[in-house]
Amino acid sequence: MAKLPRIYETFRRSYPRQWQAYDRLAALAHEAGPLDEKSRELLKLALSIGAKMEGAVHSHARKALDAGATPREIRHLVLLCLTTLGFPSTMAALTWVEDVLRKRGSRRGKARG
């Protein structure tokens, strides 16, 4: 299991039965259909952006990279949010995604070109 943020570790230790149920539900959801891991993580990244959940955006950007998504694909996903979520939300998401990409050492690049 990947290292979890401190608050998740605290929750897991404090409420082990609830964590186990949640973790099992997540595994069952991932196993339920034909989407590959990379597609699932990109989708979860998009959902996190739409819900304006900064921590989840960070987490799913990391997981998408781990599943084989490229920085270019992730930036393109963020760009696609522009006409649905609006400029301010897209700029916030881009900032959150760039936090992860910068920590991973990904060069700044454009979604097209």
N, C-alpha and C. Protein backbone atom coordinates (compact mmCIF):
# COMPACT_ATOMS: atom_id res chain seq x y z
N MET A 1 0.85 -1.18 0.00
CA MET A 1 0.00 0.00 0.00
C MET A 1 0.89 1.24 0.00
N ALA A 2 0.55 2.22 -0.80
CA ALA A 2 1.30 3.48 -0.85
C ALA A 2 1.14 4.22 0.48
N LYS A 3 2.13 5.03 0.80
CA LYS A 3 2.06 5.82 2.03
C LYS A 3 0.88 6.77 1.96
N LEU A 4 0.08 6.74 3.00
CA LEU A 4 -1.11 7.60 3.06
C LEU A 4 -0.80 8.89 3.79
N PRO A 5 -1.55 9.95 3.47
CA PRO A 5 -1.40 11.20 4.24
C PRO A 5 -1.66 10.93 5.73
N ARG A 6 -1.09 11.75 6.56
CA ARG A 6 -1.18 11.57 8.02
C ARG A 6 -2.62 11.42 8.50
N ILE A 7 -3.54 12.25 8.00
CA ILE A 7 -4.92 12.17 8.46
C ILE A 7 -5.55 10.81 8.13
N TYR A 8 -5.19 10.25 6.99
CA TYR A 8 -5.69 8.92 6.63
C TYR A 8 -5.11 7.85 7.55
N GLU A 9 -3.83 7.97 7.87
CA GLU A 9 -3.20 7.01 8.78
C GLU A 9 -3.85 7.09 10.16
N THR A 10 -4.13 8.30 10.60
CA THR A 10 -4.79 8.48 11.89
C THR A 10 -6.18 7.85 11.88
N PHE A 11 -6.93 8.09 10.81
CA PHE A 11 -8.26 7.50 10.68
C PHE A 11 -8.17 5.97 10.66
N ARG A 12 -7.22 5.44 9.90
CA ARG A 12 -7.06 3.99 9.77
C ARG A 12 -6.76 3.35 11.13
N ARG A 13 -5.91 3.98 11.91
CA ARG A 13 -5.58 3.45 13.25
C ARG A 13 -6.75 3.63 14.23
N SER A 14 -7.45 4.75 14.14
CA SER A 14 -8.53 5.05 15.09
C SER A 14 -9.80 4.26 14.81
N TYR A 15 -10.05 3.98 13.54
CA TYR A 15 -11.28 3.32 13.13
C TYR A 15 -10.96 2.17 12.16
N PRO A 16 -10.29 1.13 12.63
CA PRO A 16 -9.82 0.08 11.72
C PRO A 16 -10.94 -0.64 10.97
N ARG A 17 -12.05 -0.90 11.61
CA ARG A 17 -13.14 -1.60 10.92
C ARG A 17 -13.75 -0.74 9.82
N GLN A 18 -13.94 0.54 10.09
CA GLN A 18 -14.49 1.43 9.08
C GLN A 18 -13.52 1.58 7.91
N TRP A 19 -12.21 1.68 8.23
CA TRP A 19 -11.20 1.78 7.18
C TRP A 19 -11.20 0.53 6.32
N GLN A 20 -11.27 -0.63 6.93
CA GLN A 20 -11.28 -1.88 6.17
C GLN A 20 -12.49 -1.95 5.24
N ALA A 21 -13.66 -1.52 5.73
CA ALA A 21 -14.86 -1.53 4.90
C ALA A 21 -14.71 -0.55 3.74
N TYR A 22 -14.20 0.63 4.02
CA TYR A 22 -13.99 1.64 2.98
C TYR A 22 -12.99 1.14 1.94
N ASP A 23 -11.87 0.59 2.42
CA ASP A 23 -10.82 0.11 1.53
C ASP A 23 -11.34 -1.03 0.65
N ARG A 24 -12.13 -1.91 1.21
CA ARG A 24 -12.70 -3.03 0.45
C ARG A 24 -13.69 -2.50 -0.59
N LEU A 25 -14.53 -1.54 -0.22
CA LEU A 25 -15.48 -0.95 -1.18
C LEU A 25 -14.73 -0.32 -2.35
N ALA A 26 -13.65 0.40 -2.05
CA ALA A 26 -12.86 1.01 -3.12
C ALA A 26 -12.28 -0.05 -4.04
N ALA A 27 -11.76 -1.14 -3.48
CA ALA A 27 -11.20 -2.22 -4.30
C ALA A 27 -12.28 -2.84 -5.17
N LEU A 28 -13.46 -3.07 -4.61
CA LEU A 28 -14.55 -3.66 -5.39
C LEU A 28 -14.99 -2.74 -6.53
N ALA A 29 -15.02 -1.44 -6.28
CA ALA A 29 -15.39 -0.49 -7.33
C ALA A 29 -14.36 -0.51 -8.46
N HIS A 30 -13.09 -0.58 -8.11
CA HIS A 30 -12.04 -0.62 -9.13
C HIS A 30 -12.10 -1.90 -9.96
N GLU A 31 -12.50 -3.00 -9.33
CA GLU A 31 -12.55 -4.29 -10.01
C GLU A 31 -13.84 -4.50 -10.81
N ALA A 32 -14.81 -3.62 -10.67
CA ALA A 32 -16.15 -3.86 -11.19
C ALA A 32 -16.31 -3.72 -12.70
N GLY A 33 -15.37 -3.10 -13.38
CA GLY A 33 -15.60 -2.85 -14.79
C GLY A 33 -14.36 -2.97 -15.64
N PRO A 34 -14.49 -2.57 -16.88
CA PRO A 34 -13.42 -2.79 -17.86
C PRO A 34 -12.34 -1.71 -17.91
N LEU A 35 -12.49 -0.61 -17.18
CA LEU A 35 -11.49 0.45 -17.27
C LEU A 35 -10.16 0.00 -16.68
N ASP A 36 -9.08 0.34 -17.38
CA ASP A 36 -7.76 0.02 -16.86
C ASP A 36 -7.38 1.02 -15.77
N GLU A 37 -6.30 0.72 -15.06
CA GLU A 37 -5.90 1.55 -13.92
C GLU A 37 -5.64 3.00 -14.32
N LYS A 38 -4.95 3.21 -15.41
CA LYS A 38 -4.64 4.57 -15.85
C LYS A 38 -5.93 5.34 -16.13
N SER A 39 -6.87 4.73 -16.83
CA SER A 39 -8.15 5.40 -17.13
C SER A 39 -8.91 5.71 -15.85
N ARG A 40 -8.93 4.76 -14.92
CA ARG A 40 -9.63 5.00 -13.64
C ARG A 40 -9.01 6.17 -12.89
N GLU A 41 -7.68 6.22 -12.86
CA GLU A 41 -7.04 7.31 -12.11
C GLU A 41 -7.24 8.66 -12.79
N LEU A 42 -7.22 8.70 -14.11
CA LEU A 42 -7.50 9.96 -14.80
C LEU A 42 -8.94 10.39 -14.54
N LEU A 43 -9.86 9.44 -14.54
CA LEU A 43 -11.26 9.77 -14.25
C LEU A 43 -11.41 10.29 -12.82
N LYS A 44 -10.76 9.62 -11.88
CA LYS A 44 -10.85 10.07 -10.49
C LYS A 44 -10.18 11.43 -10.31
N LEU A 45 -9.14 11.70 -11.08
CA LEU A 45 -8.54 13.03 -11.06
C LEU A 45 -9.54 14.07 -11.55
N ALA A 46 -10.21 13.77 -12.65
CA ALA A 46 -11.21 14.71 -13.19
C ALA A 46 -12.34 14.94 -12.18
N LEU A 47 -12.81 13.88 -11.55
CA LEU A 47 -13.87 14.03 -10.54
C LEU A 47 -13.40 14.89 -9.37
N SER A 48 -12.16 14.69 -8.96
CA SER A 48 -11.60 15.47 -7.85
C SER A 48 -11.49 16.95 -8.21
N ILE A 49 -11.11 17.21 -9.46
CA ILE A 49 -11.04 18.60 -9.93
C ILE A 49 -12.43 19.21 -9.91
N GLY A 50 -13.41 18.49 -10.45
CA GLY A 50 -14.78 19.00 -10.49
C GLY A 50 -15.35 19.28 -9.11
N ALA A 51 -14.96 18.45 -8.13
CA ALA A 51 -15.44 18.64 -6.76
C ALA A 51 -14.60 19.64 -5.98
N LYS A 52 -13.54 20.18 -6.61
CA LYS A 52 -12.67 21.19 -6.00
C LYS A 52 -12.02 20.69 -4.71
N MET A 53 -11.55 19.42 -4.75
CA MET A 53 -10.93 18.80 -3.59
C MET A 53 -9.42 18.75 -3.80
N GLU A 54 -8.72 19.74 -3.28
CA GLU A 54 -7.28 19.89 -3.53
C GLU A 54 -6.49 18.65 -3.14
N GLY A 55 -6.74 18.11 -1.97
CA GLY A 55 -6.00 16.93 -1.54
C GLY A 55 -6.22 15.75 -2.47
N ALA A 56 -7.45 15.56 -2.90
CA ALA A 56 -7.76 14.46 -3.81
C ALA A 56 -7.12 14.70 -5.17
N VAL A 57 -7.06 15.95 -5.62
CA VAL A 57 -6.38 16.26 -6.89
C VAL A 57 -4.91 15.88 -6.78
N HIS A 58 -4.27 16.26 -5.69
CA HIS A 58 -2.87 15.88 -5.48
C HIS A 58 -2.72 14.35 -5.51
N SER A 59 -3.57 13.68 -4.76
CA SER A 59 -3.49 12.22 -4.65
C SER A 59 -3.70 11.54 -6.00
N HIS A 60 -4.73 11.94 -6.72
CA HIS A 60 -5.03 11.26 -7.98
C HIS A 60 -4.09 11.67 -9.10
N ALA A 61 -3.49 12.84 -9.00
CA ALA A 61 -2.44 13.19 -9.97
C ALA A 61 -1.24 12.26 -9.76
N ARG A 62 -0.86 12.02 -8.50
CA ARG A 62 0.23 11.09 -8.21
C ARG A 62 -0.11 9.68 -8.67
N LYS A 63 -1.33 9.25 -8.37
CA LYS A 63 -1.75 7.90 -8.75
C LYS A 63 -1.83 7.75 -10.26
N ALA A 64 -2.27 8.79 -10.96
CA ALA A 64 -2.32 8.73 -12.42
C ALA A 64 -0.91 8.59 -13.00
N LEU A 65 0.03 9.34 -12.46
CA LEU A 65 1.42 9.20 -12.90
C LEU A 65 1.93 7.79 -12.64
N ASP A 66 1.65 7.28 -11.46
CA ASP A 66 2.09 5.92 -11.11
C ASP A 66 1.46 4.87 -12.02
N ALA A 67 0.26 5.15 -12.52
CA ALA A 67 -0.45 4.22 -13.41
C ALA A 67 -0.04 4.38 -14.87
N GLY A 68 0.88 5.31 -15.15
CA GLY A 68 1.40 5.45 -16.51
C GLY A 68 0.95 6.68 -17.27
N ALA A 69 0.14 7.53 -16.65
CA ALA A 69 -0.24 8.78 -17.33
C ALA A 69 0.97 9.69 -17.42
N THR A 70 1.04 10.45 -18.50
CA THR A 70 2.15 11.38 -18.69
C THR A 70 1.74 12.75 -18.16
N PRO A 71 2.72 13.59 -17.82
CA PRO A 71 2.39 14.96 -17.45
C PRO A 71 1.57 15.66 -18.53
N ARG A 72 1.87 15.39 -19.77
CA ARG A 72 1.13 16.01 -20.87
C ARG A 72 -0.34 15.58 -20.85
N GLU A 73 -0.60 14.30 -20.59
CA GLU A 73 -1.99 13.83 -20.52
C GLU A 73 -2.72 14.47 -19.34
N ILE A 74 -2.04 14.59 -18.21
CA ILE A 74 -2.66 15.19 -17.03
C ILE A 74 -2.97 16.66 -17.27
N ARG A 75 -2.04 17.37 -17.87
CA ARG A 75 -2.29 18.79 -18.17
C ARG A 75 -3.42 18.94 -19.19
N HIS A 76 -3.51 18.04 -20.14
CA HIS A 76 -4.61 18.08 -21.11
C HIS A 76 -5.94 17.88 -20.39
N LEU A 77 -5.99 16.93 -19.46
CA LEU A 77 -7.20 16.71 -18.68
C LEU A 77 -7.63 17.99 -17.98
N VAL A 78 -6.68 18.68 -17.37
CA VAL A 78 -7.00 19.94 -16.69
C VAL A 78 -7.53 20.97 -17.69
N LEU A 79 -6.90 21.07 -18.82
CA LEU A 79 -7.35 22.02 -19.84
C LEU A 79 -8.79 21.74 -20.27
N LEU A 80 -9.16 20.46 -20.34
CA LEU A 80 -10.53 20.10 -20.72
C LEU A 80 -11.57 20.59 -19.72
N CYS A 81 -11.14 20.88 -18.51
CA CYS A 81 -12.05 21.39 -17.47
C CYS A 81 -12.47 22.83 -17.74
N LEU A 82 -11.72 23.53 -18.56
CA LEU A 82 -11.92 24.97 -18.75
C LEU A 82 -13.35 25.33 -19.13
N THR A 83 -13.92 24.69 -20.14
CA THR A 83 -15.25 25.09 -20.61
C THR A 83 -16.37 24.52 -19.76
N THR A 84 -16.09 23.52 -18.94
CA THR A 84 -17.12 22.95 -18.08
C THR A 84 -17.12 23.58 -16.69
N LEU A 85 -15.93 23.76 -16.13
CA LEU A 85 -15.82 24.25 -14.75
C LEU A 85 -15.51 25.73 -14.65
N GLY A 86 -15.00 26.32 -15.73
CA GLY A 86 -14.67 27.73 -15.73
C GLY A 86 -13.20 27.99 -15.47
N PHE A 87 -12.80 29.21 -15.76
CA PHE A 87 -11.40 29.61 -15.68
C PHE A 87 -10.85 29.54 -14.26
N PRO A 88 -11.53 30.12 -13.24
CA PRO A 88 -10.95 30.08 -11.89
C PRO A 88 -10.74 28.65 -11.36
N SER A 89 -11.71 27.79 -11.57
CA SER A 89 -11.58 26.41 -11.10
C SER A 89 -10.46 25.68 -11.83
N THR A 90 -10.33 25.95 -13.12
CA THR A 90 -9.29 25.31 -13.91
C THR A 90 -7.92 25.80 -13.48
N MET A 91 -7.79 27.07 -13.18
CA MET A 91 -6.50 27.60 -12.72
C MET A 91 -6.13 27.01 -11.37
N ALA A 92 -7.12 26.86 -10.49
CA ALA A 92 -6.84 26.21 -9.19
C ALA A 92 -6.36 24.78 -9.42
N ALA A 93 -7.06 24.04 -10.27
CA ALA A 93 -6.69 22.65 -10.55
C ALA A 93 -5.30 22.58 -11.17
N LEU A 94 -5.01 23.49 -12.06
CA LEU A 94 -3.69 23.49 -12.70
C LEU A 94 -2.59 23.73 -11.65
N THR A 95 -2.85 24.60 -10.72
CA THR A 95 -1.89 24.86 -9.64
C THR A 95 -1.66 23.59 -8.82
N TRP A 96 -2.75 22.89 -8.48
CA TRP A 96 -2.64 21.67 -7.68
C TRP A 96 -1.88 20.58 -8.43
N VAL A 97 -2.20 20.42 -9.71
CA VAL A 97 -1.53 19.41 -10.53
C VAL A 97 -0.05 19.75 -10.69
N GLU A 98 0.24 21.02 -10.92
CA GLU A 98 1.64 21.43 -11.08
C GLU A 98 2.43 21.20 -9.80
N ASP A 99 1.79 21.30 -8.62
CA ASP A 99 2.47 20.97 -7.37
C ASP A 99 3.04 19.56 -7.44
N VAL A 100 2.22 18.64 -7.89
CA VAL A 100 2.62 17.23 -7.97
C VAL A 100 3.68 17.03 -9.05
N LEU A 101 3.44 17.61 -10.22
CA LEU A 101 4.38 17.42 -11.32
C LEU A 101 5.75 18.01 -10.99
N ARG A 102 5.77 19.14 -10.32
CA ARG A 102 7.03 19.77 -9.93
C ARG A 102 7.78 18.87 -8.94
N LYS A 103 7.06 18.29 -7.99
CA LYS A 103 7.70 17.39 -7.02
C LYS A 103 8.23 16.13 -7.69
N ARG A 104 7.58 15.73 -8.77
CA ARG A 104 8.03 14.55 -9.51
C ARG A 104 9.13 14.89 -10.53
N GLY A 105 9.45 16.17 -10.65
CA GLY A 105 10.50 16.57 -11.56
C GLY A 105 10.08 16.65 -13.01
N SER A 106 8.76 16.78 -13.26
CA SER A 106 8.27 16.86 -14.64
C SER A 106 8.46 18.26 -15.18
N ARG A 107 9.01 18.34 -16.37
CA ARG A 107 9.20 19.64 -17.02
C ARG A 107 7.86 20.24 -17.37
N ARG A 108 7.82 21.54 -17.33
CA ARG A 108 6.61 22.28 -17.73
C ARG A 108 6.45 22.12 -19.23
N GLY A 109 5.26 21.75 -19.64
CA GLY A 109 4.97 21.59 -21.06
C GLY A 109 3.53 21.90 -21.34
N LYS A 110 3.19 21.97 -22.57
CA LYS A 110 1.83 22.28 -22.96
C LYS A 110 1.09 21.00 -23.33
N ALA A 111 -0.24 21.04 -23.21
CA ALA A 111 -1.05 19.89 -23.55
C ALA A 111 -0.99 19.60 -25.05
N ARG A 112 -0.83 20.63 -25.85
CA ARG A 112 -0.73 20.46 -27.31
C ARG A 112 0.65 20.92 -27.76
N GLY A 113 1.11 20.30 -28.84
CA GLY A 113 2.30 20.83 -29.45
C GLY A 113 3.54 20.11 -29.28
